[in-house]
N, C-alpha and C. Protein backbone atom coordinates (compact mmCIF):
# COMPACT_ATOMS: atom_id res chain seq x y z
N UNK A 1 28.22 -17.70 1.90
CA UNK A 1 27.09 -18.51 1.44
C UNK A 1 26.26 -18.97 2.64
N UNK A 2 24.96 -18.78 2.59
CA UNK A 2 24.08 -19.18 3.68
C UNK A 2 23.67 -20.64 3.48
N UNK A 3 23.09 -21.21 4.54
CA UNK A 3 22.59 -22.59 4.48
C UNK A 3 21.57 -22.74 3.37
N UNK A 4 20.73 -21.73 3.18
CA UNK A 4 19.68 -21.80 2.17
C UNK A 4 20.25 -21.79 0.75
N UNK A 5 21.43 -21.16 0.58
CA UNK A 5 22.03 -21.06 -0.75
C UNK A 5 22.76 -22.33 -1.17
N UNK A 6 23.07 -23.21 -0.23
CA UNK A 6 23.84 -24.40 -0.53
C UNK A 6 23.00 -25.47 -1.18
N UNK A 7 23.61 -26.18 -2.12
CA UNK A 7 22.93 -27.33 -2.72
C UNK A 7 22.98 -28.50 -1.76
N UNK A 8 22.17 -29.51 -2.02
CA UNK A 8 22.18 -30.69 -1.16
C UNK A 8 23.56 -31.34 -1.15
N UNK A 9 24.21 -31.40 -2.32
CA UNK A 9 25.54 -32.01 -2.40
C UNK A 9 26.55 -31.21 -1.58
N UNK A 10 26.47 -29.89 -1.63
CA UNK A 10 27.38 -29.05 -0.86
C UNK A 10 27.15 -29.20 0.64
N UNK A 11 25.87 -29.32 1.02
CA UNK A 11 25.54 -29.51 2.44
C UNK A 11 26.12 -30.83 2.95
N UNK A 12 25.94 -31.89 2.13
CA UNK A 12 26.45 -33.20 2.54
C UNK A 12 27.97 -33.18 2.65
N UNK A 13 28.64 -32.51 1.70
CA UNK A 13 30.10 -32.45 1.72
C UNK A 13 30.58 -31.72 2.98
N UNK A 14 29.94 -30.61 3.30
CA UNK A 14 30.30 -29.85 4.49
C UNK A 14 30.02 -30.66 5.76
N UNK A 15 28.90 -31.36 5.76
CA UNK A 15 28.50 -32.18 6.90
C UNK A 15 29.53 -33.28 7.15
N UNK A 16 29.90 -34.00 6.10
CA UNK A 16 30.86 -35.10 6.25
C UNK A 16 32.24 -34.58 6.61
N UNK A 17 32.61 -33.42 6.09
CA UNK A 17 33.91 -32.83 6.44
C UNK A 17 33.95 -32.51 7.94
N UNK A 18 32.85 -31.96 8.45
CA UNK A 18 32.78 -31.64 9.88
C UNK A 18 32.92 -32.91 10.72
N UNK A 19 32.28 -33.99 10.29
CA UNK A 19 32.37 -35.25 11.03
C UNK A 19 33.81 -35.78 11.04
N UNK A 20 34.44 -35.80 9.88
CA UNK A 20 35.82 -36.31 9.79
C UNK A 20 36.78 -35.45 10.62
N UNK A 21 36.57 -34.15 10.60
CA UNK A 21 37.47 -33.25 11.33
C UNK A 21 37.37 -33.44 12.84
N UNK A 22 36.25 -34.02 13.30
CA UNK A 22 36.06 -34.27 14.73
C UNK A 22 36.43 -35.71 15.11
N UNK A 23 36.91 -36.50 14.14
CA UNK A 23 37.39 -37.83 14.46
C UNK A 23 36.50 -38.98 14.04
N UNK A 24 35.42 -38.69 13.31
CA UNK A 24 34.56 -39.77 12.81
C UNK A 24 35.14 -40.24 11.48
N UNK A 25 35.78 -41.40 11.49
CA UNK A 25 36.50 -41.87 10.31
C UNK A 25 36.01 -43.22 9.78
N UNK A 26 35.19 -43.93 10.56
CA UNK A 26 34.70 -45.24 10.14
C UNK A 26 33.81 -45.08 8.90
N UNK A 27 34.13 -45.80 7.84
CA UNK A 27 33.43 -45.63 6.55
C UNK A 27 31.96 -46.00 6.66
N UNK A 28 31.63 -47.05 7.41
CA UNK A 28 30.22 -47.46 7.55
C UNK A 28 29.41 -46.42 8.33
N UNK A 29 30.02 -45.86 9.34
CA UNK A 29 29.34 -44.84 10.13
C UNK A 29 29.11 -43.59 9.29
N UNK A 30 30.13 -43.17 8.55
CA UNK A 30 29.99 -41.99 7.69
C UNK A 30 28.91 -42.21 6.64
N UNK A 31 28.88 -43.41 6.06
CA UNK A 31 27.86 -43.72 5.05
C UNK A 31 26.46 -43.68 5.66
N UNK A 32 26.32 -44.23 6.87
CA UNK A 32 25.01 -44.22 7.54
C UNK A 32 24.57 -42.80 7.83
N UNK A 33 25.49 -41.97 8.28
CA UNK A 33 25.14 -40.60 8.63
C UNK A 33 24.86 -39.75 7.38
N UNK A 34 25.50 -40.10 6.29
CA UNK A 34 25.21 -39.41 5.03
C UNK A 34 23.81 -39.77 4.53
N UNK A 35 23.37 -40.99 4.83
CA UNK A 35 22.09 -41.47 4.29
C UNK A 35 20.89 -41.04 5.12
N UNK A 36 21.12 -40.54 6.35
CA UNK A 36 20.02 -40.12 7.22
C UNK A 36 20.02 -38.60 7.35
N UNK A 37 19.02 -37.98 6.78
CA UNK A 37 18.89 -36.53 6.83
C UNK A 37 18.52 -36.09 8.25
N UNK A 38 19.32 -35.22 8.86
CA UNK A 38 19.03 -34.74 10.22
C UNK A 38 17.84 -33.78 10.24
N UNK A 39 17.52 -33.21 9.09
CA UNK A 39 16.46 -32.21 9.01
C UNK A 39 15.14 -32.59 9.66
N UNK A 40 14.57 -33.76 9.33
CA UNK A 40 13.26 -34.13 9.90
C UNK A 40 13.26 -34.27 11.42
N UNK A 41 14.44 -34.41 12.02
CA UNK A 41 14.52 -34.62 13.46
C UNK A 41 14.63 -33.31 14.26
N UNK A 42 14.76 -32.19 13.54
CA UNK A 42 14.86 -30.88 14.20
C UNK A 42 13.67 -30.04 13.75
N UNK A 43 12.88 -29.57 14.71
CA UNK A 43 11.64 -28.88 14.36
C UNK A 43 11.60 -27.49 14.98
N UNK A 44 10.63 -26.71 14.52
CA UNK A 44 10.38 -25.41 15.14
C UNK A 44 11.45 -24.37 14.84
N UNK A 45 11.78 -23.57 15.83
CA UNK A 45 12.69 -22.43 15.66
C UNK A 45 14.08 -22.84 15.19
N UNK A 46 14.49 -24.05 15.53
CA UNK A 46 15.86 -24.46 15.23
C UNK A 46 15.98 -25.31 13.96
N UNK A 47 14.90 -25.44 13.21
CA UNK A 47 14.92 -26.28 12.01
C UNK A 47 15.99 -25.83 11.01
N UNK A 48 16.20 -24.53 10.93
CA UNK A 48 17.18 -24.00 9.98
C UNK A 48 18.63 -24.30 10.35
N UNK A 49 18.85 -24.82 11.55
CA UNK A 49 20.21 -25.12 12.00
C UNK A 49 20.48 -26.62 12.06
N UNK A 50 19.62 -27.39 11.43
CA UNK A 50 19.70 -28.85 11.51
C UNK A 50 21.02 -29.40 11.00
N UNK A 51 21.67 -28.69 10.08
CA UNK A 51 22.87 -29.24 9.47
C UNK A 51 24.16 -28.69 10.08
N UNK A 52 24.02 -27.96 11.19
CA UNK A 52 25.19 -27.48 11.90
C UNK A 52 25.62 -28.51 12.93
N UNK A 53 26.92 -28.55 13.20
CA UNK A 53 27.45 -29.53 14.16
C UNK A 53 27.31 -28.97 15.58
N UNK A 54 26.08 -28.99 16.05
CA UNK A 54 25.80 -28.47 17.39
C UNK A 54 24.57 -29.15 17.96
N UNK A 55 24.50 -29.29 19.29
CA UNK A 55 23.28 -29.82 19.91
C UNK A 55 22.17 -28.78 19.81
N UNK A 56 20.93 -29.23 19.73
CA UNK A 56 19.80 -28.32 19.60
C UNK A 56 18.66 -28.77 20.51
N UNK A 57 17.87 -27.82 21.03
CA UNK A 57 16.74 -28.19 21.88
C UNK A 57 15.65 -28.91 21.07
N UNK A 58 15.02 -29.88 21.73
CA UNK A 58 13.83 -30.52 21.17
C UNK A 58 12.75 -30.50 22.26
N UNK A 59 11.65 -31.15 22.02
CA UNK A 59 10.54 -31.13 22.98
C UNK A 59 10.91 -31.80 24.30
N UNK A 60 10.09 -31.56 25.31
CA UNK A 60 10.20 -32.20 26.64
C UNK A 60 11.50 -31.86 27.37
N UNK A 61 12.09 -30.70 27.02
CA UNK A 61 13.30 -30.27 27.70
C UNK A 61 14.53 -31.07 27.35
N UNK A 62 14.51 -31.80 26.26
CA UNK A 62 15.62 -32.65 25.84
C UNK A 62 16.40 -31.97 24.70
N UNK A 63 17.45 -32.64 24.25
CA UNK A 63 18.25 -32.11 23.15
C UNK A 63 18.53 -33.21 22.13
N UNK A 64 18.80 -32.77 20.90
CA UNK A 64 19.36 -33.67 19.89
C UNK A 64 20.86 -33.42 19.89
N UNK A 65 21.65 -34.47 20.06
CA UNK A 65 23.10 -34.32 20.16
C UNK A 65 23.69 -33.80 18.87
N UNK A 66 24.85 -33.15 19.00
CA UNK A 66 25.52 -32.69 17.78
C UNK A 66 25.98 -33.89 16.96
N UNK A 67 25.92 -33.78 15.64
CA UNK A 67 26.23 -34.92 14.78
C UNK A 67 27.59 -35.55 15.04
N UNK A 68 28.60 -34.76 15.34
CA UNK A 68 29.93 -35.34 15.57
C UNK A 68 29.93 -36.24 16.81
N UNK A 69 29.16 -35.89 17.84
CA UNK A 69 29.07 -36.74 19.03
C UNK A 69 28.30 -38.02 18.71
N UNK A 70 27.22 -37.88 17.93
CA UNK A 70 26.48 -39.06 17.47
C UNK A 70 27.42 -39.99 16.70
N UNK A 71 28.22 -39.41 15.82
CA UNK A 71 29.16 -40.20 15.03
C UNK A 71 30.21 -40.89 15.88
N UNK A 72 30.77 -40.17 16.84
CA UNK A 72 31.81 -40.74 17.70
C UNK A 72 31.25 -41.85 18.58
N UNK A 73 30.04 -41.66 19.10
CA UNK A 73 29.42 -42.70 19.93
C UNK A 73 29.11 -43.94 19.09
N UNK A 74 28.60 -43.72 17.89
CA UNK A 74 28.27 -44.83 16.99
C UNK A 74 29.54 -45.57 16.59
N UNK A 75 30.58 -44.84 16.30
CA UNK A 75 31.86 -45.43 15.92
C UNK A 75 32.42 -46.28 17.07
N UNK A 76 32.33 -45.75 18.28
CA UNK A 76 32.85 -46.47 19.46
C UNK A 76 32.06 -47.75 19.73
N UNK A 77 30.81 -47.79 19.28
CA UNK A 77 29.95 -48.94 19.53
C UNK A 77 30.31 -50.15 18.66
N UNK A 78 30.99 -49.89 17.54
CA UNK A 78 31.46 -50.96 16.65
C UNK A 78 30.33 -51.91 16.25
N UNK A 79 29.26 -51.35 15.71
CA UNK A 79 28.08 -52.13 15.35
C UNK A 79 28.33 -52.97 14.10
N UNK A 80 27.91 -54.23 14.14
CA UNK A 80 28.00 -55.08 12.96
C UNK A 80 26.59 -55.37 12.43
N UNK A 81 26.48 -55.81 11.18
CA UNK A 81 25.16 -55.98 10.55
C UNK A 81 24.23 -56.98 11.23
N UNK A 82 24.75 -57.89 12.05
CA UNK A 82 23.91 -58.88 12.72
C UNK A 82 23.54 -58.49 14.14
N UNK A 83 23.98 -57.34 14.58
CA UNK A 83 23.79 -56.95 15.98
C UNK A 83 22.37 -56.52 16.31
N UNK A 84 21.97 -56.81 17.54
CA UNK A 84 20.75 -56.28 18.13
C UNK A 84 21.17 -55.22 19.13
N UNK A 85 20.66 -54.00 18.93
CA UNK A 85 21.13 -52.83 19.69
C UNK A 85 20.00 -52.28 20.55
N UNK A 86 20.35 -51.90 21.78
CA UNK A 86 19.43 -51.21 22.66
C UNK A 86 19.91 -49.78 22.84
N UNK A 87 19.01 -48.82 22.60
CA UNK A 87 19.32 -47.41 22.86
C UNK A 87 18.46 -46.93 24.02
N UNK A 88 19.08 -46.30 25.00
CA UNK A 88 18.37 -45.69 26.12
C UNK A 88 18.35 -44.18 25.88
N UNK A 89 17.16 -43.64 25.65
CA UNK A 89 17.01 -42.22 25.37
C UNK A 89 16.78 -41.96 23.89
N UNK A 90 15.56 -42.19 23.43
CA UNK A 90 15.23 -42.02 22.01
C UNK A 90 15.42 -40.58 21.57
N UNK A 91 14.96 -39.64 22.41
CA UNK A 91 15.05 -38.23 22.04
C UNK A 91 14.35 -37.94 20.72
N UNK A 92 15.05 -37.32 19.81
CA UNK A 92 14.49 -37.00 18.50
C UNK A 92 14.34 -38.23 17.62
N UNK A 93 15.11 -39.29 17.92
CA UNK A 93 15.13 -40.48 17.07
C UNK A 93 16.30 -40.53 16.11
N UNK A 94 17.11 -39.46 16.08
CA UNK A 94 18.20 -39.38 15.11
C UNK A 94 19.25 -40.46 15.32
N UNK A 95 19.68 -40.68 16.57
CA UNK A 95 20.68 -41.71 16.83
C UNK A 95 20.16 -43.09 16.45
N UNK A 96 18.91 -43.39 16.78
CA UNK A 96 18.35 -44.69 16.43
C UNK A 96 18.30 -44.88 14.91
N UNK A 97 18.00 -43.81 14.19
CA UNK A 97 17.95 -43.90 12.73
C UNK A 97 19.32 -44.25 12.16
N UNK A 98 20.36 -43.63 12.71
CA UNK A 98 21.73 -43.97 12.27
C UNK A 98 22.02 -45.43 12.56
N UNK A 99 21.71 -45.87 13.76
CA UNK A 99 21.97 -47.26 14.15
C UNK A 99 21.21 -48.25 13.27
N UNK A 100 20.02 -47.86 12.82
CA UNK A 100 19.21 -48.77 12.00
C UNK A 100 19.87 -49.09 10.67
N UNK A 101 20.77 -48.22 10.22
CA UNK A 101 21.49 -48.46 8.97
C UNK A 101 22.67 -49.42 9.16
N UNK A 102 23.02 -49.68 10.43
CA UNK A 102 24.21 -50.47 10.72
C UNK A 102 23.91 -51.81 11.37
N UNK A 103 22.76 -51.91 12.06
CA UNK A 103 22.44 -53.09 12.86
C UNK A 103 21.28 -53.87 12.26
N UNK A 104 21.09 -55.09 12.76
CA UNK A 104 19.94 -55.91 12.34
C UNK A 104 18.65 -55.37 12.95
N UNK A 105 18.72 -55.01 14.23
CA UNK A 105 17.53 -54.58 14.94
C UNK A 105 17.90 -53.54 15.99
N UNK A 106 17.08 -52.51 16.13
CA UNK A 106 17.31 -51.47 17.13
C UNK A 106 16.06 -51.34 18.00
N UNK A 107 16.26 -51.43 19.31
CA UNK A 107 15.21 -51.14 20.28
C UNK A 107 15.60 -49.84 20.97
N UNK A 108 14.68 -48.89 21.01
CA UNK A 108 14.98 -47.60 21.62
C UNK A 108 13.89 -47.24 22.61
N UNK A 109 14.29 -46.76 23.78
CA UNK A 109 13.36 -46.48 24.88
C UNK A 109 13.50 -45.02 25.31
N UNK A 110 12.37 -44.37 25.56
CA UNK A 110 12.39 -43.02 26.13
C UNK A 110 11.27 -42.90 27.15
N UNK A 111 11.50 -42.07 28.16
CA UNK A 111 10.51 -41.88 29.23
C UNK A 111 9.42 -40.90 28.84
N UNK A 112 9.59 -40.21 27.71
CA UNK A 112 8.61 -39.23 27.25
C UNK A 112 7.79 -39.80 26.09
N UNK A 113 6.50 -39.98 26.33
CA UNK A 113 5.64 -40.57 25.30
C UNK A 113 5.61 -39.71 24.03
N UNK A 114 5.61 -38.40 24.19
CA UNK A 114 5.57 -37.52 23.03
C UNK A 114 6.78 -37.74 22.12
N UNK A 115 7.96 -37.85 22.71
CA UNK A 115 9.16 -38.06 21.89
C UNK A 115 9.11 -39.39 21.16
N UNK A 116 8.62 -40.43 21.83
CA UNK A 116 8.50 -41.74 21.19
C UNK A 116 7.51 -41.67 20.04
N UNK A 117 6.39 -41.02 20.26
CA UNK A 117 5.37 -40.90 19.22
C UNK A 117 5.90 -40.16 18.00
N UNK A 118 6.59 -39.05 18.24
CA UNK A 118 7.12 -38.25 17.12
C UNK A 118 8.24 -39.00 16.40
N UNK A 119 9.09 -39.71 17.15
CA UNK A 119 10.16 -40.48 16.52
C UNK A 119 9.60 -41.60 15.67
N UNK A 120 8.57 -42.28 16.16
CA UNK A 120 7.94 -43.36 15.37
C UNK A 120 7.43 -42.83 14.04
N UNK A 121 6.85 -41.64 14.08
CA UNK A 121 6.31 -41.05 12.85
C UNK A 121 7.42 -40.81 11.83
N UNK A 122 8.57 -40.34 12.31
CA UNK A 122 9.70 -40.11 11.40
C UNK A 122 10.24 -41.43 10.88
N UNK A 123 10.37 -42.41 11.76
CA UNK A 123 10.85 -43.73 11.31
C UNK A 123 9.95 -44.29 10.21
N UNK A 124 8.64 -44.14 10.39
CA UNK A 124 7.70 -44.63 9.38
C UNK A 124 7.87 -43.86 8.07
N UNK A 125 8.03 -42.55 8.18
CA UNK A 125 8.19 -41.70 7.00
C UNK A 125 9.45 -42.06 6.22
N UNK A 126 10.51 -42.42 6.95
CA UNK A 126 11.79 -42.76 6.32
C UNK A 126 11.89 -44.24 5.96
N UNK A 127 10.88 -45.02 6.31
CA UNK A 127 10.89 -46.44 5.98
C UNK A 127 11.88 -47.25 6.78
N UNK A 128 12.14 -46.84 8.02
CA UNK A 128 13.09 -47.54 8.88
C UNK A 128 12.33 -48.60 9.68
N UNK A 129 12.21 -49.78 9.10
CA UNK A 129 11.32 -50.81 9.64
C UNK A 129 11.98 -51.68 10.72
N UNK A 130 13.27 -51.52 10.95
CA UNK A 130 13.96 -52.38 11.93
C UNK A 130 14.17 -51.67 13.27
N UNK A 131 13.37 -50.61 13.54
CA UNK A 131 13.43 -49.91 14.83
C UNK A 131 12.12 -50.14 15.59
N UNK A 132 12.25 -50.52 16.85
CA UNK A 132 11.10 -50.59 17.75
C UNK A 132 11.28 -49.53 18.82
N UNK A 133 10.38 -48.54 18.86
CA UNK A 133 10.45 -47.45 19.83
C UNK A 133 9.42 -47.67 20.93
N UNK A 134 9.86 -47.56 22.17
CA UNK A 134 9.04 -47.91 23.32
C UNK A 134 9.08 -46.78 24.34
N UNK A 135 7.93 -46.47 24.92
CA UNK A 135 7.90 -45.54 26.05
C UNK A 135 8.08 -46.34 27.33
N UNK A 136 9.10 -46.02 28.10
CA UNK A 136 9.36 -46.75 29.33
C UNK A 136 10.52 -46.17 30.10
N UNK A 137 10.85 -46.80 31.21
CA UNK A 137 11.96 -46.37 32.06
C UNK A 137 13.23 -47.06 31.59
N UNK A 138 14.02 -46.35 30.82
CA UNK A 138 15.20 -46.93 30.22
C UNK A 138 16.29 -47.32 31.19
N UNK A 139 16.25 -46.79 32.40
CA UNK A 139 17.30 -47.12 33.37
C UNK A 139 17.29 -48.61 33.74
N UNK A 140 16.16 -49.28 33.44
CA UNK A 140 16.06 -50.71 33.71
C UNK A 140 16.24 -51.54 32.44
N UNK A 141 16.53 -50.88 31.32
CA UNK A 141 16.75 -51.61 30.08
C UNK A 141 15.47 -52.20 29.52
N UNK A 142 15.62 -53.32 28.81
CA UNK A 142 14.48 -53.99 28.19
C UNK A 142 14.71 -55.49 28.32
N UNK A 143 14.42 -55.98 29.51
CA UNK A 143 14.78 -57.35 29.87
C UNK A 143 14.17 -58.39 28.95
N UNK A 144 12.94 -58.12 28.46
CA UNK A 144 12.27 -59.13 27.64
C UNK A 144 12.94 -59.34 26.28
N UNK A 145 13.81 -58.41 25.86
CA UNK A 145 14.53 -58.58 24.59
C UNK A 145 16.02 -58.86 24.79
N UNK A 146 16.45 -58.91 26.04
CA UNK A 146 17.87 -59.15 26.34
C UNK A 146 18.24 -60.61 26.01
N UNK A 147 19.53 -60.87 25.75
CA UNK A 147 20.65 -59.94 25.82
C UNK A 147 20.85 -59.17 24.52
N UNK A 148 21.60 -58.08 24.63
CA UNK A 148 21.88 -57.22 23.48
C UNK A 148 23.37 -57.28 23.13
N UNK A 149 23.64 -57.19 21.82
CA UNK A 149 25.02 -57.15 21.36
C UNK A 149 25.67 -55.80 21.67
N UNK A 150 24.87 -54.75 21.58
CA UNK A 150 25.36 -53.39 21.81
C UNK A 150 24.30 -52.60 22.58
N UNK A 151 24.74 -51.75 23.49
CA UNK A 151 23.86 -50.84 24.22
C UNK A 151 24.46 -49.44 24.18
N UNK A 152 23.64 -48.47 23.86
CA UNK A 152 24.08 -47.07 23.85
C UNK A 152 23.13 -46.26 24.72
N UNK A 153 23.68 -45.40 25.55
CA UNK A 153 22.90 -44.58 26.46
C UNK A 153 23.15 -43.11 26.11
N UNK A 154 22.09 -42.36 25.85
CA UNK A 154 22.25 -40.97 25.42
C UNK A 154 21.82 -40.00 26.52
N UNK A 155 21.98 -40.43 27.77
CA UNK A 155 21.78 -39.57 28.93
C UNK A 155 22.79 -40.00 29.97
N UNK A 156 23.23 -39.05 30.80
CA UNK A 156 24.34 -39.32 31.71
C UNK A 156 23.89 -39.96 33.01
N UNK A 157 24.49 -41.09 33.33
CA UNK A 157 24.26 -41.77 34.61
C UNK A 157 25.42 -41.44 35.55
N UNK A 158 25.17 -41.50 36.85
CA UNK A 158 26.26 -41.27 37.79
C UNK A 158 27.26 -42.40 37.76
N UNK A 159 26.78 -43.59 37.41
CA UNK A 159 27.64 -44.77 37.28
C UNK A 159 27.01 -45.67 36.23
N UNK A 160 27.74 -46.65 35.77
CA UNK A 160 27.20 -47.57 34.76
C UNK A 160 26.04 -48.35 35.36
N UNK A 161 24.83 -48.25 34.79
CA UNK A 161 23.66 -48.92 35.38
C UNK A 161 23.79 -50.45 35.37
N UNK A 162 23.62 -51.06 36.54
CA UNK A 162 23.73 -52.51 36.67
C UNK A 162 22.77 -53.28 35.79
N UNK A 163 21.48 -52.87 35.70
CA UNK A 163 20.55 -53.62 34.84
C UNK A 163 20.98 -53.65 33.38
N UNK A 164 21.61 -52.58 32.92
CA UNK A 164 22.06 -52.54 31.52
C UNK A 164 23.26 -53.46 31.32
N UNK A 165 24.17 -53.46 32.27
CA UNK A 165 25.32 -54.37 32.17
C UNK A 165 24.85 -55.82 32.15
N UNK A 166 23.81 -56.13 32.94
CA UNK A 166 23.30 -57.50 33.00
C UNK A 166 22.67 -57.92 31.68
N UNK A 167 22.17 -56.95 30.90
CA UNK A 167 21.50 -57.25 29.64
C UNK A 167 22.45 -57.19 28.43
N UNK A 168 23.73 -56.93 28.69
CA UNK A 168 24.73 -56.90 27.62
C UNK A 168 25.34 -58.28 27.46
N UNK A 169 25.39 -58.76 26.23
CA UNK A 169 25.99 -60.07 25.94
C UNK A 169 27.47 -60.09 26.29
N UNK A 170 27.97 -61.27 26.61
CA UNK A 170 29.42 -61.43 26.69
C UNK A 170 29.99 -61.16 25.30
N UNK A 171 31.01 -60.33 25.24
CA UNK A 171 31.56 -59.90 23.96
C UNK A 171 30.92 -58.62 23.46
N UNK A 172 29.90 -58.13 24.19
CA UNK A 172 29.18 -56.93 23.78
C UNK A 172 29.87 -55.65 24.23
N UNK A 173 29.36 -54.55 23.69
CA UNK A 173 29.92 -53.22 23.98
C UNK A 173 28.78 -52.29 24.38
N UNK A 174 29.04 -51.49 25.42
CA UNK A 174 28.12 -50.42 25.80
C UNK A 174 28.87 -49.10 25.79
N UNK A 175 28.23 -48.06 25.23
CA UNK A 175 28.80 -46.71 25.21
C UNK A 175 27.83 -45.79 25.92
N UNK A 176 28.35 -45.00 26.86
CA UNK A 176 27.47 -44.11 27.62
C UNK A 176 28.27 -42.99 28.27
N UNK A 177 27.60 -41.84 28.53
CA UNK A 177 28.22 -40.78 29.31
C UNK A 177 28.00 -41.05 30.80
N UNK A 178 29.03 -40.81 31.59
CA UNK A 178 28.96 -41.04 33.03
C UNK A 178 29.43 -39.79 33.76
N UNK A 179 28.69 -39.39 34.79
CA UNK A 179 29.10 -38.25 35.59
C UNK A 179 27.91 -37.46 36.08
N UNK A 180 28.16 -36.53 37.02
CA UNK A 180 27.11 -35.68 37.53
C UNK A 180 26.63 -34.73 36.44
N UNK A 181 25.33 -34.43 36.43
CA UNK A 181 24.77 -33.58 35.38
C UNK A 181 25.29 -32.15 35.44
N UNK A 182 25.74 -31.71 36.62
CA UNK A 182 26.22 -30.33 36.74
C UNK A 182 27.74 -30.25 36.77
N UNK A 183 28.40 -31.32 36.38
CA UNK A 183 29.86 -31.36 36.35
C UNK A 183 30.32 -31.97 35.02
N UNK A 184 31.61 -32.14 34.88
CA UNK A 184 32.14 -32.72 33.66
C UNK A 184 31.74 -34.19 33.59
N UNK A 185 31.24 -34.59 32.45
CA UNK A 185 30.90 -35.99 32.22
C UNK A 185 31.92 -36.58 31.25
N UNK A 186 32.05 -37.89 31.31
CA UNK A 186 32.98 -38.58 30.42
C UNK A 186 32.24 -39.66 29.63
N UNK A 187 32.52 -39.69 28.35
CA UNK A 187 31.98 -40.74 27.50
C UNK A 187 32.88 -41.96 27.67
N UNK A 188 32.27 -43.10 28.04
CA UNK A 188 33.06 -44.30 28.24
C UNK A 188 32.53 -45.44 27.38
N UNK A 189 33.43 -46.39 27.12
CA UNK A 189 33.05 -47.61 26.41
C UNK A 189 33.34 -48.79 27.34
N UNK A 190 32.36 -49.66 27.48
CA UNK A 190 32.49 -50.84 28.34
C UNK A 190 32.43 -52.08 27.46
N UNK A 191 33.43 -52.92 27.56
CA UNK A 191 33.43 -54.21 26.87
C UNK A 191 33.22 -55.31 27.91
N UNK A 192 32.26 -56.17 27.63
CA UNK A 192 31.97 -57.28 28.55
C UNK A 192 32.68 -58.53 28.04
N UNK A 193 33.65 -58.99 28.79
CA UNK A 193 34.44 -60.16 28.39
C UNK A 193 34.19 -61.31 29.36
N UNK A 194 34.74 -62.46 29.03
CA UNK A 194 34.61 -63.63 29.91
C UNK A 194 35.29 -63.38 31.25
N UNK A 195 36.26 -62.47 31.26
CA UNK A 195 37.01 -62.19 32.49
C UNK A 195 36.48 -61.00 33.27
N UNK A 196 35.45 -60.34 32.74
CA UNK A 196 34.92 -59.17 33.43
C UNK A 196 34.66 -58.01 32.49
N UNK A 197 34.76 -56.80 33.01
CA UNK A 197 34.46 -55.59 32.25
C UNK A 197 35.72 -54.78 31.99
N UNK A 198 35.84 -54.30 30.75
CA UNK A 198 36.96 -53.44 30.38
C UNK A 198 36.42 -52.06 30.05
N UNK A 199 37.02 -51.02 30.62
CA UNK A 199 36.53 -49.66 30.45
C UNK A 199 37.55 -48.82 29.68
N UNK A 200 37.03 -48.04 28.71
CA UNK A 200 37.84 -47.04 28.00
C UNK A 200 37.18 -45.69 28.17
N UNK A 201 37.94 -44.67 28.54
CA UNK A 201 37.41 -43.31 28.61
C UNK A 201 37.69 -42.63 27.27
N UNK A 202 36.66 -42.10 26.62
CA UNK A 202 36.79 -41.61 25.26
C UNK A 202 36.97 -40.09 25.17
N UNK A 203 36.13 -39.33 25.88
CA UNK A 203 36.22 -37.88 25.80
C UNK A 203 35.25 -37.25 26.80
N UNK A 204 35.45 -35.96 27.06
CA UNK A 204 34.52 -35.21 27.90
C UNK A 204 33.29 -34.85 27.08
N UNK A 205 32.10 -34.92 27.70
CA UNK A 205 30.84 -34.62 27.01
C UNK A 205 29.89 -33.91 27.98
N UNK A 206 28.74 -33.51 27.48
CA UNK A 206 27.69 -32.95 28.32
C UNK A 206 26.34 -33.46 27.81
N UNK A 207 25.66 -34.25 28.64
CA UNK A 207 24.35 -34.81 28.29
C UNK A 207 23.35 -34.50 29.39
N UNK A 208 22.07 -34.58 29.05
CA UNK A 208 21.03 -34.48 30.07
C UNK A 208 21.14 -35.70 30.97
N UNK A 209 20.68 -35.61 32.23
CA UNK A 209 20.82 -36.74 33.15
C UNK A 209 19.88 -37.89 32.82
N UNK A 210 20.32 -39.10 33.16
CA UNK A 210 19.47 -40.29 33.04
C UNK A 210 18.56 -40.34 34.27
N UNK A 211 17.25 -40.27 34.04
CA UNK A 211 16.30 -40.22 35.13
C UNK A 211 15.43 -41.47 35.14
N UNK A 212 15.07 -41.90 36.34
CA UNK A 212 14.15 -43.03 36.46
C UNK A 212 12.71 -42.55 36.34
N UNK A 213 11.82 -43.48 36.02
CA UNK A 213 10.40 -43.14 35.92
C UNK A 213 10.04 -42.62 34.54
N UNK A 214 8.76 -42.29 34.37
CA UNK A 214 8.26 -41.79 33.10
C UNK A 214 8.07 -40.28 33.16
N UNK A 215 8.13 -39.65 31.97
CA UNK A 215 7.95 -38.21 31.90
C UNK A 215 6.51 -37.80 32.20
N UNK A 216 6.31 -36.54 32.52
CA UNK A 216 4.99 -36.04 32.89
C UNK A 216 4.00 -36.06 31.71
N UNK A 217 4.53 -36.13 30.50
CA UNK A 217 3.66 -36.10 29.32
C UNK A 217 3.04 -37.46 29.04
N UNK A 218 3.34 -38.47 29.84
CA UNK A 218 2.79 -39.81 29.61
C UNK A 218 1.43 -39.95 30.25
């Protein structure tokens, strides 16, 4: 059976099965991912592969992460309904859309104006009114809206960025990939406690690098 032959219900069942088989088990995360269609976030030649569990190219040399990685990162973030979340690296907007179903407010930053513009259009189309998308240098966070309950970074830094740690609330959680862009990267979770920072290493991943400055399309 091809993707085109499958009904919407069959696609959703296959999609959720793939997520569970990769370790995404949190009921709220699964419900959020079921409610956000990945299709609008994948355009052009790869639109027909939107429902496969794989990363895909998007504009500006970036990628949309595979759904299972989005699910695992979201699950690790432990978002509650009252949380204010900062995302570094809007990309297609898919991760922010998932977070919008779980959090009170989502701020998402990308260095590429085109990606922010296209993501805003999708958010408007889907009626996701609790997302604010901003073009800017995400490596410095968003100080004017700090502190944040949760921070997620969808690009790999060589080390945990100090400005982002400073903008994380005590009791907050940050999830991000860390490592050289041409080597193995590790997805880590950082908990900020009264006694300091606690680190958990979650799994090996591969993300585009976290870069300072704005993209050339701005």
